[in-house]
């Protein structure tokens, strides 16, 4: 079911309690109110009340409950699948802000995504030279065979491998700059 929310309306009225969402996500992932309670540092009763409140808000049961056991309903499975990624993005954004807020003066970090072979053969051997020149910058390297996804990943830059005759179209076409960093 696709729900089209009028952009002029205040969309926050459609978002349930964040503590209820956190409780549901943790309990749904572990299929245990006890494990969710330990993870969130609350009591199992608090998890149960948060989930009951969320179920009342949604007007749907998310769990079937039996003696010392819970299972997701089909609606609960769908809802968990829909909210897990957005909650992870909120957690990642929060961690980034907290890290930046707690950074001291002169602290800087650059997150680099690179092809593994390039990182091993070219980048890592030059790492110490960069550090000698810029000890105030913390380089964070992630290697992957997949293209960097700047929408969902927290990379400042990506080093891609492409065939020599590959043409690069798109919004960044023509805006690449070459600069000796090391």
C-alpha atoms as a PDB file:
ATOM      1  CA  UNK A   1       0.000   0.000   0.000  1.00  0.00           C
ATOM      2  CA  UNK A   2       1.415   3.346  -1.025  1.00  0.00           C
ATOM      3  CA  UNK A   3       0.476   6.258   1.199  1.00  0.00           C
ATOM      4  CA  UNK A   4       0.908   9.655  -0.335  1.00  0.00           C
ATOM      5  CA  UNK A   5       1.347  12.273   2.380  1.00  0.00           C
ATOM      6  CA  UNK A   6       0.559  15.845   1.417  1.00  0.00           C
ATOM      7  CA  UNK A   7       3.874  17.706   1.547  1.00  0.00           C
ATOM      8  CA  UNK A   8       2.173  20.781   2.987  1.00  0.00           C
ATOM      9  CA  UNK A   9       1.096  18.849   6.084  1.00  0.00           C
ATOM     10  CA  UNK A  10       3.363  18.394   9.014  1.00  0.00           C
ATOM     11  CA  UNK A  11       4.759  14.882   8.405  1.00  0.00           C
ATOM     12  CA  UNK A  12       6.033  14.380  11.948  1.00  0.00           C
ATOM     13  CA  UNK A  13       2.507  13.518  13.062  1.00  0.00           C
ATOM     14  CA  UNK A  14       2.933  10.246  11.155  1.00  0.00           C
ATOM     15  CA  UNK A  15       6.062   9.204  13.032  1.00  0.00           C
ATOM     16  CA  UNK A  16       5.485   7.145  16.193  1.00  0.00           C
ATOM     17  CA  UNK A  17       7.530   7.395  19.367  1.00  0.00           C
ATOM     18  CA  UNK A  18      11.253   6.907  18.747  1.00  0.00           C
ATOM     19  CA  UNK A  19      11.584   4.879  21.949  1.00  0.00           C
ATOM     20  CA  UNK A  20       8.781   2.616  20.700  1.00  0.00           C
ATOM     21  CA  UNK A  21      10.541   2.187  17.363  1.00  0.00           C
ATOM     22  CA  UNK A  22      13.838   1.392  19.088  1.00  0.00           C
ATOM     23  CA  UNK A  23      12.149  -1.146  21.367  1.00  0.00           C
ATOM     24  CA  UNK A  24      10.340  -2.770  18.441  1.00  0.00           C
ATOM     25  CA  UNK A  25      13.469  -2.922  16.258  1.00  0.00           C
ATOM     26  CA  UNK A  26      15.574  -4.487  19.020  1.00  0.00           C
ATOM     27  CA  UNK A  27      12.861  -6.971  20.013  1.00  0.00           C
ATOM     28  CA  UNK A  28      12.058  -7.800  16.408  1.00  0.00           C
ATOM     29  CA  UNK A  29      15.690  -8.405  15.543  1.00  0.00           C
ATOM     30  CA  UNK A  30      16.299 -10.640  18.565  1.00  0.00           C
ATOM     31  CA  UNK A  31      12.762 -12.029  18.920  1.00  0.00           C
ATOM     32  CA  UNK A  32      13.137 -11.462  22.641  1.00  0.00           C
ATOM     33  CA  UNK A  33      11.897  -8.700  24.921  1.00  0.00           C
ATOM     34  CA  UNK A  34      14.575  -9.709  27.444  1.00  0.00           C
ATOM     35  CA  UNK A  35      17.425  -9.335  24.925  1.00  0.00           C
ATOM     36  CA  UNK A  36      15.969  -6.038  23.674  1.00  0.00           C
ATOM     37  CA  UNK A  37      15.766  -4.796  27.266  1.00  0.00           C
ATOM     38  CA  UNK A  38      19.428  -5.657  27.892  1.00  0.00           C
ATOM     39  CA  UNK A  39      20.477  -3.948  24.667  1.00  0.00           C
ATOM     40  CA  UNK A  40      18.557  -0.757  25.500  1.00  0.00           C
ATOM     41  CA  UNK A  41      19.306  -0.826  29.243  1.00  0.00           C
ATOM     42  CA  UNK A  42      15.661  -0.971  30.311  1.00  0.00           C
ATOM     43  CA  UNK A  43      13.404  -3.632  31.805  1.00  0.00           C
ATOM     44  CA  UNK A  44      11.531  -6.226  29.733  1.00  0.00           C
ATOM     45  CA  UNK A  45       8.329  -4.659  31.042  1.00  0.00           C
ATOM     46  CA  UNK A  46       9.376  -1.303  29.598  1.00  0.00           C
ATOM     47  CA  UNK A  47       9.992  -2.965  26.208  1.00  0.00           C
ATOM     48  CA  UNK A  48       6.567  -4.608  26.389  1.00  0.00           C
ATOM     49  CA  UNK A  49       4.842  -1.298  27.223  1.00  0.00           C
ATOM     50  CA  UNK A  50       6.679   0.553  24.438  1.00  0.00           C
ATOM     51  CA  UNK A  51       5.671  -2.092  21.897  1.00  0.00           C
ATOM     52  CA  UNK A  52       2.068  -2.126  23.140  1.00  0.00           C
ATOM     53  CA  UNK A  53       1.989   1.644  22.731  1.00  0.00           C
ATOM     54  CA  UNK A  54       3.400   1.352  19.201  1.00  0.00           C
ATOM     55  CA  UNK A  55       0.869  -1.355  18.312  1.00  0.00           C
ATOM     56  CA  UNK A  56      -1.949   0.872  19.612  1.00  0.00           C
ATOM     57  CA  UNK A  57      -0.640   3.808  17.560  1.00  0.00           C
ATOM     58  CA  UNK A  58      -0.452   1.646  14.420  1.00  0.00           C
ATOM     59  CA  UNK A  59      -3.691  -0.187  15.114  1.00  0.00           C
ATOM     60  CA  UNK A  60      -2.000  -3.499  14.348  1.00  0.00           C
ATOM     61  CA  UNK A  61      -0.350  -6.328  16.260  1.00  0.00           C
ATOM     62  CA  UNK A  62       3.368  -6.565  15.499  1.00  0.00           C
ATOM     63  CA  UNK A  63       4.076  -9.631  17.660  1.00  0.00           C
ATOM     64  CA  UNK A  64       2.255 -12.779  18.644  1.00  0.00           C
ATOM     65  CA  UNK A  65       2.972 -13.499  22.270  1.00  0.00           C
ATOM     66  CA  UNK A  66       3.045 -16.861  23.970  1.00  0.00           C
ATOM     67  CA  UNK A  67       4.556 -18.049  27.226  1.00  0.00           C
ATOM     68  CA  UNK A  68       8.129 -16.612  27.292  1.00  0.00           C
ATOM     69  CA  UNK A  69       8.201 -16.376  23.492  1.00  0.00           C
ATOM     70  CA  UNK A  70       7.386 -13.743  20.882  1.00  0.00           C
ATOM     71  CA  UNK A  71       7.167 -13.952  17.105  1.00  0.00           C
ATOM     72  CA  UNK A  72       6.686 -11.243  14.534  1.00  0.00           C
ATOM     73  CA  UNK A  73       3.361 -11.166  12.757  1.00  0.00           C
ATOM     74  CA  UNK A  74       3.479 -10.775   8.961  1.00  0.00           C
ATOM     75  CA  UNK A  75       2.792  -7.045   9.460  1.00  0.00           C
ATOM     76  CA  UNK A  76       5.543  -6.951  12.094  1.00  0.00           C
ATOM     77  CA  UNK A  77       8.048  -8.534   9.693  1.00  0.00           C
ATOM     78  CA  UNK A  78       7.157  -6.008   6.990  1.00  0.00           C
ATOM     79  CA  UNK A  79       7.351  -3.081   9.412  1.00  0.00           C
ATOM     80  CA  UNK A  80      10.717  -4.230  10.774  1.00  0.00           C
ATOM     81  CA  UNK A  81      12.097  -4.526   7.239  1.00  0.00           C
ATOM     82  CA  UNK A  82      10.835  -1.012   6.439  1.00  0.00           C
ATOM     83  CA  UNK A  83      12.167   0.762   9.545  1.00  0.00           C
ATOM     84  CA  UNK A  84      15.508  -0.996  10.128  1.00  0.00           C
ATOM     85  CA  UNK A  85      17.507   0.875   7.454  1.00  0.00           C
ATOM     86  CA  UNK A  86      16.157   4.354   8.330  1.00  0.00           C
ATOM     87  CA  UNK A  87      16.930   3.752  12.016  1.00  0.00           C
ATOM     88  CA  UNK A  88      20.461   2.665  11.078  1.00  0.00           C
ATOM     89  CA  UNK A  89      20.878   5.901   9.074  1.00  0.00           C
ATOM     90  CA  UNK A  90      19.659   7.963  12.048  1.00  0.00           C
ATOM     91  CA  UNK A  91      22.128   6.122  14.313  1.00  0.00           C
ATOM     92  CA  UNK A  92      24.997   6.670  11.845  1.00  0.00           C
ATOM     93  CA  UNK A  93      24.156  10.366  11.428  1.00  0.00           C
ATOM     94  CA  UNK A  94      23.996  10.763  15.201  1.00  0.00           C
ATOM     95  CA  UNK A  95      27.365   9.040  15.652  1.00  0.00           C
ATOM     96  CA  UNK A  96      28.932  11.323  13.015  1.00  0.00           C
ATOM     97  CA  UNK A  97      27.595  14.459  14.696  1.00  0.00           C
ATOM     98  CA  UNK A  98      28.713  13.297  18.138  1.00  0.00           C
ATOM     99  CA  UNK A  99      32.164  12.474  16.777  1.00  0.00           C
ATOM    100  CA  UNK A 100      32.479  15.895  15.151  1.00  0.00           C
ATOM    101  CA  UNK A 101      31.157  17.660  18.246  1.00  0.00           C
ATOM    102  CA  UNK A 102      33.667  15.843  20.468  1.00  0.00           C
ATOM    103  CA  UNK A 103      36.619  16.391  18.142  1.00  0.00           C
ATOM    104  CA  UNK A 104      39.248  18.714  19.502  1.00  0.00           C
ATOM    105  CA  UNK A 105      40.641  21.691  17.638  1.00  0.00           C
ATOM    106  CA  UNK A 106      42.798  20.552  14.782  1.00  0.00           C
ATOM    107  CA  UNK A 107      41.207  17.088  14.715  1.00  0.00           C
ATOM    108  CA  UNK A 108      40.166  16.162  11.223  1.00  0.00           C
ATOM    109  CA  UNK A 109      39.283  12.913   9.538  1.00  0.00           C
ATOM    110  CA  UNK A 110      38.993  11.912   5.906  1.00  0.00           C
ATOM    111  CA  UNK A 111      37.098   8.763   5.085  1.00  0.00           C
ATOM    112  CA  UNK A 112      38.426   7.127   1.911  1.00  0.00           C
ATOM    113  CA  UNK A 113      36.826   4.297  -0.038  1.00  0.00           C
ATOM    114  CA  UNK A 114      39.145   2.500  -2.441  1.00  0.00           C
ATOM    115  CA  UNK A 115      39.490  -0.637  -4.492  1.00  0.00           C
ATOM    116  CA  UNK A 116      41.430  -3.214  -2.379  1.00  0.00           C
ATOM    117  CA  UNK A 117      44.294  -3.775  -4.816  1.00  0.00           C
ATOM    118  CA  UNK A 118      44.807  -0.040  -5.281  1.00  0.00           C
ATOM    119  CA  UNK A 119      44.808   0.477  -1.516  1.00  0.00           C
ATOM    120  CA  UNK A 120      47.359  -2.278  -0.901  1.00  0.00           C
ATOM    121  CA  UNK A 121      49.702  -1.496  -3.792  1.00  0.00           C
ATOM    122  CA  UNK A 122      49.564   2.286  -3.970  1.00  0.00           C
ATOM    123  CA  UNK A 123      47.755   4.022  -1.127  1.00  0.00           C
ATOM    124  CA  UNK A 124      48.993   2.182   1.959  1.00  0.00           C
ATOM    125  CA  UNK A 125      52.697   2.401   0.973  1.00  0.00           C
ATOM    126  CA  UNK A 126      52.277   6.205   0.809  1.00  0.00           C
ATOM    127  CA  UNK A 127      50.225   6.462   4.008  1.00  0.00           C
ATOM    128  CA  UNK A 128      53.171   7.292   6.286  1.00  0.00           C
ATOM    129  CA  UNK A 129      54.372  10.035   3.934  1.00  0.00           C
ATOM    130  CA  UNK A 130      50.934  11.652   4.114  1.00  0.00           C
ATOM    131  CA  UNK A 131      50.910  11.299   7.912  1.00  0.00           C
ATOM    132  CA  UNK A 132      54.354  12.907   8.154  1.00  0.00           C
ATOM    133  CA  UNK A 133      53.048  15.918   6.228  1.00  0.00           C
ATOM    134  CA  UNK A 134      49.601  16.069   7.856  1.00  0.00           C
ATOM    135  CA  UNK A 135      49.586  14.429  11.326  1.00  0.00           C
ATOM    136  CA  UNK A 136      46.465  16.439  12.172  1.00  0.00           C
ATOM    137  CA  UNK A 137      44.365  14.447   9.668  1.00  0.00           C
ATOM    138  CA  UNK A 138      43.111  10.995  10.507  1.00  0.00           C
ATOM    139  CA  UNK A 139      42.738   8.906   7.349  1.00  0.00           C
ATOM    140  CA  UNK A 140      40.084   6.201   7.550  1.00  0.00           C
ATOM    141  CA  UNK A 141      40.270   3.609   4.802  1.00  0.00           C
ATOM    142  CA  UNK A 142      37.540   1.262   3.665  1.00  0.00           C
ATOM    143  CA  UNK A 143      38.187  -1.156   0.827  1.00  0.00           C
ATOM    144  CA  UNK A 144      35.457  -2.563  -1.362  1.00  0.00           C
ATOM    145  CA  UNK A 145      34.871  -4.001  -4.799  1.00  0.00           C
ATOM    146  CA  UNK A 146      31.555  -2.148  -5.008  1.00  0.00           C
ATOM    147  CA  UNK A 147      31.123   1.473  -6.063  1.00  0.00           C
ATOM    148  CA  UNK A 148      30.895   3.948  -3.195  1.00  0.00           C
ATOM    149  CA  UNK A 149      27.360   5.019  -2.318  1.00  0.00           C
ATOM    150  CA  UNK A 150      27.641   8.585  -1.058  1.00  0.00           C
ATOM    151  CA  UNK A 151      23.903   8.664  -0.273  1.00  0.00           C
ATOM    152  CA  UNK A 152      24.169   5.928   2.371  1.00  0.00           C
ATOM    153  CA  UNK A 153      27.863   5.566   3.230  1.00  0.00           C
ATOM    154  CA  UNK A 154      29.962   8.062   5.129  1.00  0.00           C
ATOM    155  CA  UNK A 155      32.842   8.527   2.670  1.00  0.00           C
ATOM    156  CA  UNK A 156      34.516  11.837   1.979  1.00  0.00           C
ATOM    157  CA  UNK A 157      36.085  10.534  -1.197  1.00  0.00           C
ATOM    158  CA  UNK A 158      36.264   7.406  -3.289  1.00  0.00           C
ATOM    159  CA  UNK A 159      39.025   6.171  -5.565  1.00  0.00           C
ATOM    160  CA  UNK A 160      37.524   4.181  -8.394  1.00  0.00           C
ATOM    161  CA  UNK A 161      39.103   1.910 -10.972  1.00  0.00           C
ATOM    162  CA  UNK A 162      37.832   2.268 -14.516  1.00  0.00           C
ATOM    163  CA  UNK A 163      38.996   1.241 -17.954  1.00  0.00           C
ATOM    164  CA  UNK A 164      41.094   3.882 -19.678  1.00  0.00           C
ATOM    165  CA  UNK A 165      38.462   4.473 -22.354  1.00  0.00           C
ATOM    166  CA  UNK A 166      35.602   4.726 -19.827  1.00  0.00           C
ATOM    167  CA  UNK A 167      33.662   7.938 -20.153  1.00  0.00           C
ATOM    168  CA  UNK A 168      32.221   9.398 -16.997  1.00  0.00           C
ATOM    169  CA  UNK A 169      28.872  11.126 -17.421  1.00  0.00           C
ATOM    170  CA  UNK A 170      26.800  12.722 -14.738  1.00  0.00           C
ATOM    171  CA  UNK A 171      26.733  15.735 -12.471  1.00  0.00           C
ATOM    172  CA  UNK A 172      30.436  15.481 -11.642  1.00  0.00           C
ATOM    173  CA  UNK A 173      31.516  15.093 -15.260  1.00  0.00           C
ATOM    174  CA  UNK A 174      34.229  17.569 -16.014  1.00  0.00           C
ATOM    175  CA  UNK A 175      34.622  18.594 -12.390  1.00  0.00           C
ATOM    176  CA  UNK A 176      37.240  16.044 -11.374  1.00  0.00           C
ATOM    177  CA  UNK A 177      40.408  17.624 -10.163  1.00  0.00           C
ATOM    178  CA  UNK A 178      43.843  16.145 -10.008  1.00  0.00           C
ATOM    179  CA  UNK A 179      46.045  17.153  -7.119  1.00  0.00           C
ATOM    180  CA  UNK A 180      49.106  15.621  -5.563  1.00  0.00           C
ATOM    181  CA  UNK A 181      48.104  14.756  -2.016  1.00  0.00           C
ATOM    182  CA  UNK A 182      51.080  12.600  -1.182  1.00  0.00           C
END
